[in-house]
N, C-alpha and C. Protein backbone atom coordinates (compact mmCIF):
# COMPACT_ATOMS: atom_id res chain seq x y z
N MET A 1 3.81 -9.89 10.21
CA MET A 1 2.54 -9.15 10.63
C MET A 1 2.23 -7.65 10.57
N SER A 2 1.46 -6.99 10.31
CA SER A 2 1.71 -5.85 10.04
C SER A 2 1.30 -4.89 11.41
N THR A 3 1.83 -3.78 11.38
CA THR A 3 1.42 -3.10 12.52
C THR A 3 0.43 -1.79 12.31
N VAL A 4 -0.05 -2.06 11.22
CA VAL A 4 -1.47 -1.22 11.07
C VAL A 4 -2.66 -1.65 11.59
N PRO A 5 -3.40 -0.61 12.67
CA PRO A 5 -4.25 -1.26 13.23
C PRO A 5 -5.58 -1.75 12.47
N SER A 6 -6.37 -2.84 12.46
CA SER A 6 -7.25 -3.57 11.82
C SER A 6 -8.39 -2.75 12.18
N ARG A 7 -9.18 -2.56 11.11
CA ARG A 7 -10.41 -1.58 11.28
C ARG A 7 -11.36 -2.21 9.93
N ALA A 8 -12.70 -2.25 10.54
CA ALA A 8 -13.58 -2.54 9.68
C ALA A 8 -13.60 -1.59 8.23
N VAL A 9 -13.63 -2.05 7.11
CA VAL A 9 -13.30 -1.03 6.09
C VAL A 9 -14.62 -1.49 5.09
N HIS A 10 -15.54 -0.72 4.64
CA HIS A 10 -16.55 -0.82 3.45
C HIS A 10 -15.71 -1.59 2.10
N GLY A 11 -15.92 -2.61 1.58
CA GLY A 11 -15.70 -3.24 0.54
C GLY A 11 -15.42 -2.51 -0.55
N ASP A 12 -16.30 -1.66 -0.94
CA ASP A 12 -16.30 -0.94 -2.12
C ASP A 12 -15.00 0.07 -1.80
N GLU A 13 -15.07 0.82 -0.88
CA GLU A 13 -13.58 1.59 -0.33
C GLU A 13 -12.51 0.88 -0.32
N ARG A 14 -12.22 -0.33 -0.02
CA ARG A 14 -11.14 -0.79 0.12
C ARG A 14 -10.48 -1.34 -1.40
N THR A 15 -11.71 -1.89 -2.12
CA THR A 15 -11.38 -2.05 -3.59
C THR A 15 -10.85 -1.03 -4.13
N ARG A 16 -11.56 0.15 -4.20
CA ARG A 16 -10.94 1.62 -4.76
C ARG A 16 -9.66 2.15 -4.38
N VAL A 17 -9.48 2.09 -3.01
CA VAL A 17 -8.18 2.46 -2.81
C VAL A 17 -7.08 1.03 -3.20
N GLU A 18 -7.32 -0.05 -3.13
CA GLU A 18 -6.26 -1.29 -3.74
C GLU A 18 -6.06 -1.05 -5.36
N ARG A 19 -7.30 -0.44 -6.09
CA ARG A 19 -6.83 -0.52 -7.48
C ARG A 19 -5.85 0.86 -7.78
N ARG A 20 -6.31 1.93 -6.87
CA ARG A 20 -5.37 2.81 -7.22
C ARG A 20 -3.66 2.69 -6.72
N VAL A 21 -3.65 1.85 -5.48
CA VAL A 21 -2.48 1.52 -5.11
C VAL A 21 -1.77 0.32 -6.27
N ARG A 22 -2.44 -0.37 -6.93
CA ARG A 22 -1.85 -1.30 -8.00
C ARG A 22 -1.48 -0.31 -9.20
N ASP A 23 -2.27 0.53 -9.36
CA ASP A 23 -2.18 1.63 -10.58
C ASP A 23 -0.78 2.34 -10.22
N LEU A 24 -0.55 2.98 -9.03
CA LEU A 24 0.74 3.68 -8.63
C LEU A 24 1.84 2.51 -9.06
N LEU A 25 1.98 1.36 -8.14
CA LEU A 25 3.11 0.49 -8.29
C LEU A 25 3.27 0.03 -9.85
N ALA A 26 2.34 -0.08 -10.72
CA ALA A 26 2.12 -0.32 -12.25
C ALA A 26 3.22 1.09 -12.90
N GLY A 27 2.60 2.10 -12.49
CA GLY A 27 3.13 3.15 -13.20
C GLY A 27 4.21 3.72 -12.60
N ARG A 28 4.95 3.22 -11.65
CA ARG A 28 5.96 3.51 -11.24
C ARG A 28 7.27 2.26 -11.31
N ALA A 29 6.40 1.26 -12.45
CA ALA A 29 7.23 0.10 -12.99
C ALA A 29 7.95 -0.68 -11.87
N VAL A 30 7.18 -0.78 -10.83
CA VAL A 30 7.62 -1.97 -9.48
C VAL A 30 7.04 -3.08 -9.78
N LEU A 31 7.84 -4.20 -10.02
CA LEU A 31 7.76 -5.38 -10.63
C LEU A 31 6.73 -5.35 -11.91
N PRO A 32 7.46 -4.75 -12.80
CA PRO A 32 6.53 -4.78 -14.12
C PRO A 32 6.41 -6.12 -14.76
N GLY A 33 5.02 -6.31 -15.15
CA GLY A 33 4.51 -7.43 -15.58
C GLY A 33 3.97 -8.45 -14.56
N VAL A 34 4.15 -8.02 -13.39
CA VAL A 34 3.70 -8.66 -12.48
C VAL A 34 2.63 -8.25 -11.45
N ILE A 35 2.89 -6.83 -11.40
CA ILE A 35 1.97 -6.24 -10.44
C ILE A 35 0.67 -6.21 -10.66
N GLU A 36 0.57 -6.24 -12.24
CA GLU A 36 -0.80 -5.94 -12.62
C GLU A 36 -1.71 -7.04 -12.59
N SER A 37 -1.25 -8.12 -12.20
CA SER A 37 -2.11 -9.40 -11.51
C SER A 37 -1.85 -10.08 -10.72
N VAL A 38 -0.86 -9.60 -9.77
CA VAL A 38 -0.61 -10.27 -8.65
C VAL A 38 -1.59 -10.38 -7.77
N GLU A 39 -1.77 -11.52 -6.83
CA GLU A 39 -2.64 -11.34 -5.69
C GLU A 39 -2.63 -10.32 -4.92
N PRO A 40 -3.64 -9.75 -4.15
CA PRO A 40 -3.34 -8.65 -3.15
C PRO A 40 -2.44 -9.31 -1.83
N GLY A 41 -2.42 -10.37 -1.63
CA GLY A 41 -1.75 -10.94 -0.24
C GLY A 41 -0.43 -11.13 -0.57
N ALA A 42 -0.04 -11.46 -1.85
CA ALA A 42 1.32 -12.07 -2.52
C ALA A 42 2.46 -11.14 -1.86
N ASP A 43 3.34 -11.75 -1.41
CA ASP A 43 4.58 -11.32 -0.92
C ASP A 43 5.53 -10.36 -1.97
N LEU A 44 5.24 -8.89 -1.85
CA LEU A 44 6.10 -8.24 -2.84
C LEU A 44 7.48 -8.50 -3.08
N TRP A 45 7.99 -8.29 -1.67
CA TRP A 45 9.63 -8.72 -1.47
C TRP A 45 9.93 -10.00 -2.12
N GLU A 46 8.99 -11.29 -1.80
CA GLU A 46 9.52 -12.24 -2.41
C GLU A 46 9.43 -12.25 -3.99
N LEU A 47 8.86 -11.65 -4.62
CA LEU A 47 8.47 -11.28 -6.05
C LEU A 47 9.79 -10.39 -6.44
N GLY A 48 10.55 -9.84 -5.95
CA GLY A 48 11.74 -9.22 -6.20
C GLY A 48 11.87 -7.38 -5.80
N MET A 49 10.66 -6.99 -5.13
CA MET A 49 10.62 -5.75 -4.95
C MET A 49 11.93 -5.56 -3.79
N GLU A 50 12.53 -4.14 -4.02
CA GLU A 50 13.86 -3.93 -3.32
C GLU A 50 13.59 -2.62 -2.70
N SER A 51 14.11 -2.33 -1.60
CA SER A 51 14.05 -1.29 -0.57
C SER A 51 14.22 0.17 -1.43
N LEU A 52 14.98 0.27 -2.51
CA LEU A 52 14.92 1.64 -3.13
C LEU A 52 13.64 1.67 -3.93
N ALA A 53 12.76 0.71 -4.13
CA ALA A 53 11.17 0.68 -5.04
C ALA A 53 10.40 0.92 -3.94
N MET A 54 10.74 0.53 -2.56
CA MET A 54 9.44 0.57 -1.50
C MET A 54 9.62 2.28 -1.00
N VAL A 55 10.77 2.70 -1.13
CA VAL A 55 10.79 4.35 -1.20
C VAL A 55 10.01 5.28 -2.18
N GLY A 56 10.04 4.69 -3.16
CA GLY A 56 9.48 5.10 -4.12
C GLY A 56 7.82 5.09 -4.00
N VAL A 57 7.54 4.02 -3.84
CA VAL A 57 5.97 3.30 -3.28
C VAL A 57 5.47 4.13 -2.59
N MET A 58 6.35 4.62 -1.27
CA MET A 58 5.84 5.20 0.13
C MET A 58 5.57 6.82 -0.42
N VAL A 59 6.64 7.42 -1.24
CA VAL A 59 6.42 8.51 -1.70
C VAL A 59 5.16 8.99 -2.53
N ALA A 60 5.03 8.04 -3.47
CA ALA A 60 3.93 8.08 -4.48
C ALA A 60 2.45 7.67 -3.98
N VAL A 61 2.63 6.84 -2.93
CA VAL A 61 1.23 6.88 -2.01
C VAL A 61 0.86 7.76 -1.12
N GLU A 62 1.72 8.35 -0.48
CA GLU A 62 1.67 9.90 0.38
C GLU A 62 1.02 10.72 -0.74
N ASP A 63 1.78 11.34 -2.05
CA ASP A 63 1.23 11.98 -2.85
C ASP A 63 0.11 11.61 -3.37
N GLU A 64 -0.33 10.61 -3.52
CA GLU A 64 -1.71 10.28 -4.22
C GLU A 64 -2.77 10.58 -3.47
N PHE A 65 -2.47 9.96 -2.05
CA PHE A 65 -3.70 10.03 -0.84
C PHE A 65 -3.52 11.29 0.13
N GLY A 66 -2.48 11.75 -0.13
CA GLY A 66 -2.43 13.14 0.72
C GLY A 66 -2.32 12.78 2.28
N VAL A 67 -1.36 11.46 2.67
CA VAL A 67 -1.06 11.28 3.70
C VAL A 67 0.32 11.09 4.14
N GLU A 68 0.84 10.84 5.45
CA GLU A 68 2.23 10.42 5.71
C GLU A 68 2.24 9.64 6.39
N PHE A 69 3.10 8.61 6.04
CA PHE A 69 3.26 7.57 6.82
C PHE A 69 4.30 7.72 7.91
N PRO A 70 3.55 7.24 9.38
CA PRO A 70 4.52 7.75 10.60
C PRO A 70 5.63 6.77 10.62
N ASP A 71 6.48 7.24 11.43
CA ASP A 71 7.91 6.15 11.52
C ASP A 71 7.40 4.57 11.85
N GLU A 72 6.23 4.65 12.73
CA GLU A 72 6.15 3.13 13.03
C GLU A 72 5.45 2.15 11.84
N LEU A 73 4.94 2.97 10.81
CA LEU A 73 4.53 2.39 9.75
C LEU A 73 5.50 2.20 8.53
N LEU A 74 6.91 2.74 8.81
CA LEU A 74 8.16 2.42 7.85
C LEU A 74 9.01 1.28 8.21
N THR A 75 8.18 0.20 7.68
CA THR A 75 8.81 -1.25 7.66
C THR A 75 8.22 -1.92 6.49
N ARG A 76 8.92 -3.31 6.43
CA ARG A 76 8.58 -3.98 5.20
C ARG A 76 7.61 -4.46 5.48
N ASP A 77 6.99 -4.69 6.67
CA ASP A 77 5.56 -5.31 6.61
C ASP A 77 4.53 -4.57 5.96
N THR A 78 4.82 -3.08 6.16
CA THR A 78 3.77 -2.16 5.71
C THR A 78 3.56 -2.39 4.05
N PHE A 79 4.85 -2.54 3.73
CA PHE A 79 4.63 -2.59 2.22
C PHE A 79 4.95 -4.20 1.69
N ARG A 80 4.58 -5.06 2.18
CA ARG A 80 4.85 -6.43 1.98
C ARG A 80 3.87 -6.74 0.77
N SER A 81 2.95 -6.39 0.79
CA SER A 81 1.75 -6.85 -0.19
C SER A 81 0.98 -5.79 -0.62
N LEU A 82 0.00 -5.89 -1.73
CA LEU A 82 -0.94 -4.96 -1.96
C LEU A 82 -1.95 -4.71 -0.67
N ALA A 83 -2.22 -5.63 0.00
CA ALA A 83 -3.16 -5.78 0.91
C ALA A 83 -2.45 -4.90 2.35
N ALA A 84 -1.47 -5.20 2.31
CA ALA A 84 -1.01 -4.42 3.52
C ALA A 84 -0.67 -3.13 3.40
N VAL A 85 -0.21 -2.57 2.03
CA VAL A 85 -0.32 -1.13 1.63
C VAL A 85 -1.71 -0.48 1.56
N THR A 86 -2.67 -1.33 1.18
CA THR A 86 -4.00 -0.76 1.14
C THR A 86 -4.37 -0.60 2.68
N ASP A 87 -4.38 -1.55 3.50
CA ASP A 87 -4.75 -1.29 5.05
C ASP A 87 -4.01 -0.24 5.51
N ALA A 88 -2.66 -0.04 5.26
CA ALA A 88 -2.21 1.39 5.56
C ALA A 88 -2.69 2.61 5.40
N VAL A 89 -2.79 2.73 3.93
CA VAL A 89 -3.61 3.86 3.49
C VAL A 89 -5.12 4.12 3.91
N VAL A 90 -5.76 2.84 3.98
CA VAL A 90 -7.33 2.92 4.67
C VAL A 90 -7.36 3.48 6.07
N SER A 91 -6.31 3.06 6.99
CA SER A 91 -6.32 3.52 8.13
C SER A 91 -5.78 4.83 8.13
N LEU A 92 -4.69 5.30 7.21
CA LEU A 92 -4.19 6.41 7.58
C LEU A 92 -5.36 7.70 6.94
N THR A 93 -5.91 7.31 6.03
CA THR A 93 -6.90 8.34 5.62
C THR A 93 -8.10 8.26 6.41
N ARG A 94 -8.35 7.65 7.18
CA ARG A 94 -9.42 7.41 8.02
C ARG A 94 -8.94 8.28 9.27
N ALA A 95 -7.83 8.22 9.60
CA ALA A 95 -7.11 8.96 10.94
C ALA A 95 -7.26 10.36 10.45
N GLU A 96 -6.94 10.46 9.13
CA GLU A 96 -7.03 12.26 8.70
C GLU A 96 -8.45 12.64 8.75
N ASP A 97 -9.05 11.74 8.38
CA ASP A 97 -10.57 12.26 8.35
C ASP A 97 -11.90 11.62 8.68
N PRO A 98 -11.64 11.27 10.32
CA PRO A 98 -12.48 10.38 11.15
C PRO A 98 -14.07 10.36 10.68
N ALA A 99 -14.23 11.42 10.07
CA ALA A 99 -16.19 11.52 10.22
C ALA A 99 -16.35 10.40 8.92
């Protein structure tokens, strides 16, 4: 279970964030040949993602979206799936810009 607070998110915003996260993962060769078509809820750890790749994903996401993951989100669950990473990004970007 993710520790990211659930929030209502406009579908178009969520889709754009998810697409950007997927593109970042593909660009970093995380699960090559898989990440491009994996379902958003698929478990990336079960598909072969490793801890070092997770660190690279975290840094890339922070750079791309201008956010910083707080310590409580630095867990396997936050990076378990595209959906979980997307939830974290949406939550963090809303926290940065509450308007």
